[in-house]
Amino acid sequence: MGKSHEVRKQEIIEATMALSVEKGLKKLTTQAIADRVGIAQPTIFRHFKSRDAIFGAVINWVGDSLFKVIGDLFSTPGPADERLHQIILKQLAFMGKHRAIPRVLFSDRLHLESPKLKTVVQTMMDGYAQRLTRLIEEGIEQRVFSPELEPDRTARFILAAIQGLVMRWSVYEFNFSLEEEAEPLWQFLQPSLRP
């Protein structure tokens, strides 16, 4: 008996992620994905309508998987500063296990060639920024963050710091531990957040 539709889709997503690290998105073909999964190339299109649909599924998998790791920290009770610290640690640990993330999210395919994919990423980033903004607002109410902070802008700067670190990790061919950079990043950010 063949594999279920959902299992096959997950195999295609995983193959796409692995190949994006090895080849980059420009050279990534549906034939290469099919070869990696061990299926005929036309079978790919039984599960995804197009190559961009595969990349969209990869982006959605990244967002869903990341929020499984950090999502509860946005809503659980406790000091907002401690929860933000844990979010940064867990996010960078998660990303450190998936080298494909920066290759996909920072690709020309996404930024220049596919408005639909760009919209998928923007939606994911906006949702994350909104959650982070609310957490910063909580921290201001709890008096663990400075009342001088503009929550929305602060959330964007925190995200920019994380994205910059992840981009550097990718540019330097993953030659340092992203997880080990999480605590120094927090130590850098924390003084600017305190009351």
Protein backbone atom coordinates (compact mmCIF):
# COMPACT_ATOMS: atom_id res chain seq x y z
CA MET A 1 0.00 0.00 0.00
CA GLY A 2 1.26 3.48 -0.87
CA LYS A 3 1.93 6.27 1.56
CA SER A 4 -0.84 8.65 2.54
CA HIS A 5 -1.15 12.06 0.92
CA GLU A 6 -0.05 13.80 4.14
CA VAL A 7 3.00 11.55 4.63
CA ARG A 8 4.10 12.08 1.03
CA LYS A 9 3.63 15.86 1.31
CA GLN A 10 5.81 15.88 4.44
CA GLU A 11 8.49 13.88 2.61
CA ILE A 12 8.43 16.41 -0.22
CA ILE A 13 8.73 19.32 2.24
CA GLU A 14 11.66 17.66 4.02
CA ALA A 15 13.40 16.88 0.72
CA THR A 16 12.91 20.47 -0.42
CA MET A 17 14.44 21.77 2.79
CA ALA A 18 17.45 19.46 2.54
CA LEU A 19 18.03 20.29 -1.12
CA SER A 20 17.67 24.03 -0.55
CA VAL A 21 20.73 23.84 1.71
CA GLU A 22 22.70 21.70 -0.75
CA LYS A 23 21.74 23.39 -4.03
CA GLY A 24 20.01 26.70 -3.24
CA LEU A 25 16.53 27.49 -4.46
CA LYS A 26 17.53 28.58 -7.97
CA LYS A 27 18.90 25.12 -8.83
CA LEU A 28 16.24 23.22 -6.95
CA THR A 29 14.01 21.37 -9.42
CA THR A 30 10.98 19.19 -8.90
CA GLN A 31 13.01 16.38 -10.49
CA ALA A 32 15.66 16.73 -7.78
CA ILE A 33 12.94 16.68 -5.12
CA ALA A 34 11.35 13.60 -6.68
CA ASP A 35 14.73 11.85 -6.85
CA ARG A 36 15.39 12.61 -3.17
CA VAL A 37 11.96 11.29 -2.13
CA GLY A 38 12.22 8.28 -4.45
CA ILE A 39 9.17 8.99 -6.57
CA ALA A 40 8.52 9.90 -10.19
CA GLN A 41 8.62 13.63 -10.92
CA PRO A 42 4.94 13.84 -12.04
CA THR A 43 3.94 12.41 -8.64
CA ILE A 44 5.09 15.67 -7.04
CA PHE A 45 2.20 17.43 -8.79
CA ARG A 46 -0.36 15.07 -7.28
CA HIS A 47 0.54 16.65 -3.95
CA PHE A 48 1.44 20.22 -4.94
CA LYS A 49 0.14 22.27 -7.88
CA SER A 50 3.46 24.00 -8.54
CA ARG A 51 7.03 24.49 -7.36
CA ASP A 52 5.92 27.65 -5.55
CA ALA A 53 3.21 25.64 -3.78
CA ILE A 54 6.00 23.41 -2.43
CA PHE A 55 7.96 26.45 -1.22
CA GLY A 56 4.77 27.84 0.32
CA ALA A 57 4.29 24.55 2.18
CA VAL A 58 7.89 24.74 3.42
CA ILE A 59 7.31 28.28 4.71
CA ASN A 60 4.07 27.22 6.41
CA TRP A 61 5.84 24.21 7.96
CA VAL A 62 8.53 26.53 9.35
CA GLY A 63 5.93 28.87 10.86
CA ASP A 64 3.78 26.07 12.28
CA SER A 65 6.77 24.19 13.71
CA LEU A 66 8.31 27.30 15.23
CA PHE A 67 5.05 28.26 16.93
CA LYS A 68 4.73 24.72 18.33
CA VAL A 69 8.09 25.36 20.02
CA ILE A 70 7.52 28.93 21.26
CA GLY A 71 3.78 29.60 21.01
CA ASP A 72 2.89 28.77 24.60
CA LEU A 73 5.44 31.27 25.89
CA PHE A 74 3.36 34.13 24.51
CA SER A 75 0.31 33.20 26.57
CA THR A 76 1.55 31.44 29.71
CA PRO A 77 1.59 33.48 32.92
CA GLY A 78 4.85 34.78 34.28
CA PRO A 79 7.23 37.67 33.88
CA ALA A 80 7.35 38.88 30.28
CA ASP A 81 11.12 39.34 30.35
CA GLU A 82 11.69 35.70 31.31
CA ARG A 83 9.28 34.54 28.60
CA LEU A 84 10.98 36.72 25.96
CA HIS A 85 14.34 35.31 27.02
CA GLN A 86 13.00 31.77 26.54
CA ILE A 87 11.43 32.67 23.18
CA ILE A 88 14.80 33.88 21.86
CA LEU A 89 16.64 30.81 23.19
CA LYS A 90 14.09 28.36 21.79
CA GLN A 91 13.69 30.12 18.45
CA LEU A 92 17.42 30.12 17.75
CA ALA A 93 17.74 26.50 18.91
CA PHE A 94 14.92 25.55 16.52
CA MET A 95 16.42 27.48 13.61
CA GLY A 96 19.85 26.03 14.35
CA LYS A 97 18.44 22.58 13.58
CA HIS A 98 17.05 23.68 10.20
CA ARG A 99 19.63 25.24 7.91
CA ALA A 100 17.06 25.49 5.16
CA ILE A 101 15.17 28.26 6.95
CA PRO A 102 17.48 31.16 6.01
CA ARG A 103 18.08 29.69 2.55
CA VAL A 104 14.35 29.74 1.87
CA LEU A 105 13.34 32.92 3.72
CA PHE A 106 16.19 35.06 2.36
CA SER A 107 16.16 33.73 -1.20
CA ASP A 108 15.75 35.79 -4.38
CA ARG A 109 12.92 33.44 -5.29
CA LEU A 110 11.01 34.76 -2.34
CA HIS A 111 12.05 38.41 -2.46
CA LEU A 112 12.03 39.11 -6.18
CA GLU A 113 10.27 36.40 -8.12
CA SER A 114 7.17 35.34 -6.23
CA PRO A 115 4.80 37.90 -4.71
CA LYS A 116 2.62 35.04 -3.38
CA LEU A 117 5.50 33.52 -1.42
CA LYS A 118 6.53 36.93 -0.17
CA THR A 119 2.99 37.46 1.12
CA VAL A 120 3.07 34.11 2.95
CA VAL A 121 6.27 35.14 4.76
CA GLN A 122 5.00 38.64 5.49
CA THR A 123 1.85 37.18 7.04
CA MET A 124 3.92 34.85 9.22
CA MET A 125 6.27 37.66 10.27
CA ASP A 126 3.41 40.05 11.00
CA GLY A 127 1.71 37.46 13.21
CA TYR A 128 4.94 36.90 15.12
CA ALA A 129 5.55 40.65 15.49
CA GLN A 130 2.00 41.16 16.83
CA ARG A 131 2.52 38.47 19.47
CA LEU A 132 5.86 39.97 20.42
CA THR A 133 4.30 43.44 20.65
CA ARG A 134 1.66 42.13 23.05
CA LEU A 135 4.37 40.46 25.15
CA ILE A 136 6.29 43.74 25.37
CA GLU A 137 3.10 45.54 26.38
CA GLU A 138 2.64 42.95 29.13
CA GLY A 139 6.21 43.53 30.24
CA ILE A 140 5.60 47.27 30.46
CA GLU A 141 2.46 46.65 32.56
CA GLN A 142 4.44 44.26 34.80
CA ARG A 143 7.20 46.89 35.08
CA VAL A 144 9.89 44.51 33.87
CA PHE A 145 10.24 46.53 30.64
CA SER A 146 10.73 50.27 30.36
CA PRO A 147 7.57 52.38 29.95
CA GLU A 148 9.59 54.41 27.43
CA LEU A 149 9.53 51.53 24.93
CA GLU A 150 7.31 51.68 21.87
CA PRO A 151 6.09 48.06 21.83
CA ASP A 152 5.60 47.76 18.07
CA ARG A 153 8.98 49.26 17.21
CA THR A 154 10.73 47.26 19.93
CA ALA A 155 9.23 44.04 18.56
CA ARG A 156 10.49 44.90 15.07
CA PHE A 157 14.00 45.63 16.38
CA ILE A 158 14.11 42.35 18.30
CA LEU A 159 13.02 40.48 15.17
CA ALA A 160 15.62 42.36 13.12
CA ALA A 161 18.36 41.35 15.56
CA ILE A 162 17.31 37.69 15.34
CA GLN A 163 17.04 37.83 11.53
CA GLY A 164 20.44 39.49 11.25
CA LEU A 165 22.04 36.78 13.36
CA VAL A 166 20.37 34.04 11.31
CA MET A 167 21.45 35.73 8.05
CA ARG A 168 25.08 35.93 9.29
CA TRP A 169 24.90 32.24 10.26
CA SER A 170 23.79 31.39 6.70
CA VAL A 171 26.34 33.67 4.98
CA TYR A 172 29.13 32.10 7.03
CA GLU A 173 28.00 28.62 5.91
CA PHE A 174 26.67 27.65 9.34
CA ASN A 175 30.19 27.62 10.81
CA PHE A 176 29.09 28.64 14.30
CA SER A 177 26.38 27.45 16.66
CA LEU A 178 23.26 29.55 16.39
CA GLU A 179 22.09 28.14 19.72
CA GLU A 180 25.26 29.35 21.45
CA GLU A 181 24.64 32.88 20.14
CA ALA A 182 21.18 33.06 21.75
CA GLU A 183 22.32 33.93 25.27
CA PRO A 184 24.78 36.65 24.14
CA LEU A 185 21.99 38.13 21.98
CA TRP A 186 19.71 38.23 25.01
CA GLN A 187 22.45 39.84 27.12
CA PHE A 188 22.78 42.50 24.41
CA LEU A 189 19.03 43.17 24.19
CA GLN A 190 18.08 42.96 27.85
CA PRO A 191 19.62 46.27 29.07
CA SER A 192 17.71 48.24 26.43
CA LEU A 193 14.42 46.71 27.61
CA ARG A 194 14.78 47.25 31.35
CA PRO A 195 12.97 50.03 33.21
